[in-house]
Amino acid sequence: MVAVNGGTEDNLQGNKYYTSSELTSIYDDSMADTYVIGEDKSSVAGHNSTMIAGPNQTWNTADNFDGATDADGNPIDLKDVMVSGTVNPQVTYSYQNAVGNTISKTVAIHVVARQIYLT
């Protein structure tokens, strides 16, 4: 829920997204306003990639992570995102937003054999 805060129901000016239980627990008279269900802007983004197998090949969780946002649309740091899976075949990035919804993106990491041949 978001406060109208001097705007309109189509142009909310509140700057904080609350779950109904959060709003109920912290509400006091200084917060008097109209509250409406706001747009949940939670997201997690990532991309697939291919790695060539080799002794010096490395992969880390940031390699396929393109970003995430919380319910208000603010960026979320990778350290606050749960990463699960293995490098081959897929990895899942997940974030649980303020209202308890899990937003996820699964990406594929393909590991292929080296293509170098010497004769």
C-alpha atoms as a PDB file:
ATOM      1  CA  MET A   1       0.000   0.000   0.000  1.00  0.00           C
ATOM      2  CA  VAL A   2       1.200   3.495  -0.840  1.00  0.00           C
ATOM      3  CA  ALA A   3       0.058   6.880   0.456  1.00  0.00           C
ATOM      4  CA  VAL A   4      -1.555   9.237  -2.071  1.00  0.00           C
ATOM      5  CA  ASN A   5       0.397  12.004  -0.246  1.00  0.00           C
ATOM      6  CA  GLY A   6      -0.939  15.009  -2.167  1.00  0.00           C
ATOM      7  CA  GLY A   7      -1.078  13.210  -5.516  1.00  0.00           C
ATOM      8  CA  THR A   8      -3.915  11.241  -7.020  1.00  0.00           C
ATOM      9  CA  GLU A   9      -4.741   7.549  -7.050  1.00  0.00           C
ATOM     10  CA  ASP A  10      -3.204   7.411 -10.550  1.00  0.00           C
ATOM     11  CA  ASN A  11      -0.173   9.502  -9.582  1.00  0.00           C
ATOM     12  CA  LEU A  12       0.875   8.393  -6.099  1.00  0.00           C
ATOM     13  CA  GLN A  13       3.303  10.669  -4.291  1.00  0.00           C
ATOM     14  CA  GLY A  14       4.030   8.383  -1.350  1.00  0.00           C
ATOM     15  CA  ASN A  15       7.612   7.141  -1.234  1.00  0.00           C
ATOM     16  CA  LYS A  16       7.194   3.927   0.755  1.00  0.00           C
ATOM     17  CA  TYR A  17       5.435   0.670  -0.112  1.00  0.00           C
ATOM     18  CA  TYR A  18       3.836  -1.021   2.934  1.00  0.00           C
ATOM     19  CA  THR A  19       2.265  -4.411   3.372  1.00  0.00           C
ATOM     20  CA  SER A  20      -1.118  -4.156   5.094  1.00  0.00           C
ATOM     21  CA  SER A  21       0.356  -5.689   8.265  1.00  0.00           C
ATOM     22  CA  GLU A  22       3.306  -3.232   8.254  1.00  0.00           C
ATOM     23  CA  LEU A  23       0.982  -0.255   7.846  1.00  0.00           C
ATOM     24  CA  THR A  24      -1.316  -1.512  10.586  1.00  0.00           C
ATOM     25  CA  SER A  25       1.552  -2.038  13.028  1.00  0.00           C
ATOM     26  CA  ILE A  26       3.288   1.350  12.522  1.00  0.00           C
ATOM     27  CA  TYR A  27       0.335   3.625  11.747  1.00  0.00           C
ATOM     28  CA  ASP A  28      -0.209   6.703  13.903  1.00  0.00           C
ATOM     29  CA  ASP A  29      -2.213   9.941  13.462  1.00  0.00           C
ATOM     30  CA  SER A  30       0.732  11.694  11.781  1.00  0.00           C
ATOM     31  CA  MET A  31       0.352   9.255   8.857  1.00  0.00           C
ATOM     32  CA  ALA A  32      -3.276  10.171   8.095  1.00  0.00           C
ATOM     33  CA  ASP A  33      -3.769   9.903   4.316  1.00  0.00           C
ATOM     34  CA  THR A  34      -5.490   7.788   1.706  1.00  0.00           C
ATOM     35  CA  TYR A  35      -3.564   4.570   1.068  1.00  0.00           C
ATOM     36  CA  VAL A  36      -4.035   2.550  -2.099  1.00  0.00           C
ATOM     37  CA  ILE A  37      -2.588  -0.656  -3.428  1.00  0.00           C
ATOM     38  CA  GLY A  38       0.448   0.449  -5.387  1.00  0.00           C
ATOM     39  CA  GLU A  39       2.236  -1.231  -8.248  1.00  0.00           C
ATOM     40  CA  ASP A  40       4.693  -3.907  -7.115  1.00  0.00           C
ATOM     41  CA  LYS A  41       7.930  -3.113  -8.962  1.00  0.00           C
ATOM     42  CA  SER A  42       9.870  -6.142  -7.681  1.00  0.00           C
ATOM     43  CA  SER A  43      12.060  -7.746 -10.328  1.00  0.00           C
ATOM     44  CA  VAL A  44      15.070  -9.997 -10.834  1.00  0.00           C
ATOM     45  CA  ALA A  45      16.954 -10.071 -14.155  1.00  0.00           C
ATOM     46  CA  GLY A  46      19.733 -12.274 -15.495  1.00  0.00           C
ATOM     47  CA  HIS A  47      21.053 -13.641 -18.767  1.00  0.00           C
ATOM     48  CA  ASN A  48      22.245 -16.978 -20.179  1.00  0.00           C
ATOM     49  CA  SER A  49      25.873 -17.517 -21.137  1.00  0.00           C
ATOM     50  CA  THR A  50      28.284 -20.086 -22.511  1.00  0.00           C
ATOM     51  CA  MET A  51      31.641 -20.948 -20.933  1.00  0.00           C
ATOM     52  CA  ILE A  52      34.518 -22.784 -22.569  1.00  0.00           C
ATOM     53  CA  ALA A  53      35.889 -25.466 -20.257  1.00  0.00           C
ATOM     54  CA  GLY A  54      39.485 -24.995 -19.215  1.00  0.00           C
ATOM     55  CA  PRO A  55      41.813 -24.994 -16.220  1.00  0.00           C
ATOM     56  CA  ASN A  56      41.688 -21.194 -15.827  1.00  0.00           C
ATOM     57  CA  GLN A  57      37.955 -20.771 -16.437  1.00  0.00           C
ATOM     58  CA  THR A  58      36.048 -19.219 -13.548  1.00  0.00           C
ATOM     59  CA  TRP A  59      32.462 -18.219 -12.902  1.00  0.00           C
ATOM     60  CA  ASN A  60      30.947 -16.187 -10.093  1.00  0.00           C
ATOM     61  CA  THR A  61      27.398 -15.209  -9.193  1.00  0.00           C
ATOM     62  CA  ALA A  62      27.734 -11.671 -10.592  1.00  0.00           C
ATOM     63  CA  ASP A  63      28.539 -12.951 -14.113  1.00  0.00           C
ATOM     64  CA  ASN A  64      24.915 -13.609 -15.104  1.00  0.00           C
ATOM     65  CA  PHE A  65      23.110 -11.233 -12.744  1.00  0.00           C
ATOM     66  CA  ASP A  66      21.672  -8.159 -14.492  1.00  0.00           C
ATOM     67  CA  GLY A  67      19.969  -6.565 -11.480  1.00  0.00           C
ATOM     68  CA  ALA A  68      16.971  -6.633  -9.161  1.00  0.00           C
ATOM     69  CA  THR A  69      14.520  -4.120  -7.708  1.00  0.00           C
ATOM     70  CA  ASP A  70      12.381  -4.069  -4.575  1.00  0.00           C
ATOM     71  CA  ALA A  71       8.626  -3.362  -4.475  1.00  0.00           C
ATOM     72  CA  ASP A  72       9.302   0.387  -4.761  1.00  0.00           C
ATOM     73  CA  GLY A  73      11.595  -0.054  -7.781  1.00  0.00           C
ATOM     74  CA  ASN A  74      14.806   0.603  -5.817  1.00  0.00           C
ATOM     75  CA  PRO A  75      17.870  -1.419  -6.861  1.00  0.00           C
ATOM     76  CA  ILE A  76      18.777  -4.469  -4.778  1.00  0.00           C
ATOM     77  CA  ASP A  77      22.420  -5.444  -4.341  1.00  0.00           C
ATOM     78  CA  LEU A  78      23.441  -8.960  -5.391  1.00  0.00           C
ATOM     79  CA  LYS A  79      24.463  -9.692  -1.770  1.00  0.00           C
ATOM     80  CA  ASP A  80      20.753  -9.441  -0.840  1.00  0.00           C
ATOM     81  CA  VAL A  81      19.666 -11.909  -3.546  1.00  0.00           C
ATOM     82  CA  MET A  82      19.583 -15.655  -2.931  1.00  0.00           C
ATOM     83  CA  VAL A  83      21.441 -17.627  -5.603  1.00  0.00           C
ATOM     84  CA  SER A  84      20.720 -21.323  -5.975  1.00  0.00           C
ATOM     85  CA  GLY A  85      21.734 -23.967  -8.470  1.00  0.00           C
ATOM     86  CA  THR A  86      24.957 -25.117  -9.999  1.00  0.00           C
ATOM     87  CA  VAL A  87      26.951 -23.621 -12.837  1.00  0.00           C
ATOM     88  CA  ASN A  88      25.858 -26.354 -15.212  1.00  0.00           C
ATOM     89  CA  PRO A  89      23.054 -26.305 -16.303  1.00  0.00           C
ATOM     90  CA  GLN A  90      21.335 -23.420 -14.510  1.00  0.00           C
ATOM     91  CA  VAL A  91      21.398 -20.880 -11.700  1.00  0.00           C
ATOM     92  CA  THR A  92      18.378 -19.193 -10.087  1.00  0.00           C
ATOM     93  CA  TYR A  93      18.456 -15.685  -8.606  1.00  0.00           C
ATOM     94  CA  SER A  94      15.615 -15.009  -6.130  1.00  0.00           C
ATOM     95  CA  TYR A  95      14.453 -12.086  -4.029  1.00  0.00           C
ATOM     96  CA  GLN A  96      11.615 -12.089  -1.505  1.00  0.00           C
ATOM     97  CA  ASN A  97       9.875  -8.709  -1.569  1.00  0.00           C
ATOM     98  CA  ALA A  98       8.240  -6.862   1.320  1.00  0.00           C
ATOM     99  CA  VAL A  99       4.878  -8.559   0.826  1.00  0.00           C
ATOM    100  CA  GLY A 100       6.383 -12.062   0.844  1.00  0.00           C
ATOM    101  CA  ASN A 101       6.316 -12.755  -2.907  1.00  0.00           C
ATOM    102  CA  THR A 102       9.376 -14.484  -4.327  1.00  0.00           C
ATOM    103  CA  ILE A 103      10.600 -12.985  -7.595  1.00  0.00           C
ATOM    104  CA  SER A 104      12.987 -15.268  -9.518  1.00  0.00           C
ATOM    105  CA  LYS A 105      14.991 -15.483 -12.726  1.00  0.00           C
ATOM    106  CA  THR A 106      16.653 -18.735 -13.831  1.00  0.00           C
ATOM    107  CA  VAL A 107      19.520 -18.531 -16.316  1.00  0.00           C
ATOM    108  CA  ALA A 108      21.383 -21.285 -18.157  1.00  0.00           C
ATOM    109  CA  ILE A 109      25.179 -21.556 -18.029  1.00  0.00           C
ATOM    110  CA  HIS A 110      26.390 -23.845 -20.794  1.00  0.00           C
ATOM    111  CA  VAL A 111      29.888 -25.274 -20.397  1.00  0.00           C
ATOM    112  CA  VAL A 112      31.370 -26.476 -23.679  1.00  0.00           C
ATOM    113  CA  ALA A 113      34.582 -28.331 -24.481  1.00  0.00           C
ATOM    114  CA  ARG A 114      37.662 -26.401 -25.528  1.00  0.00           C
ATOM    115  CA  GLN A 115      37.861 -25.926 -29.276  1.00  0.00           C
ATOM    116  CA  ILE A 116      41.643 -25.502 -29.597  1.00  0.00           C
ATOM    117  CA  TYR A 117      43.541 -28.075 -31.660  1.00  0.00           C
ATOM    118  CA  LEU A 118      47.240 -28.067 -32.509  1.00  0.00           C
ATOM    119  CA  THR A 119      48.742 -30.218 -35.236  1.00  0.00           C
END
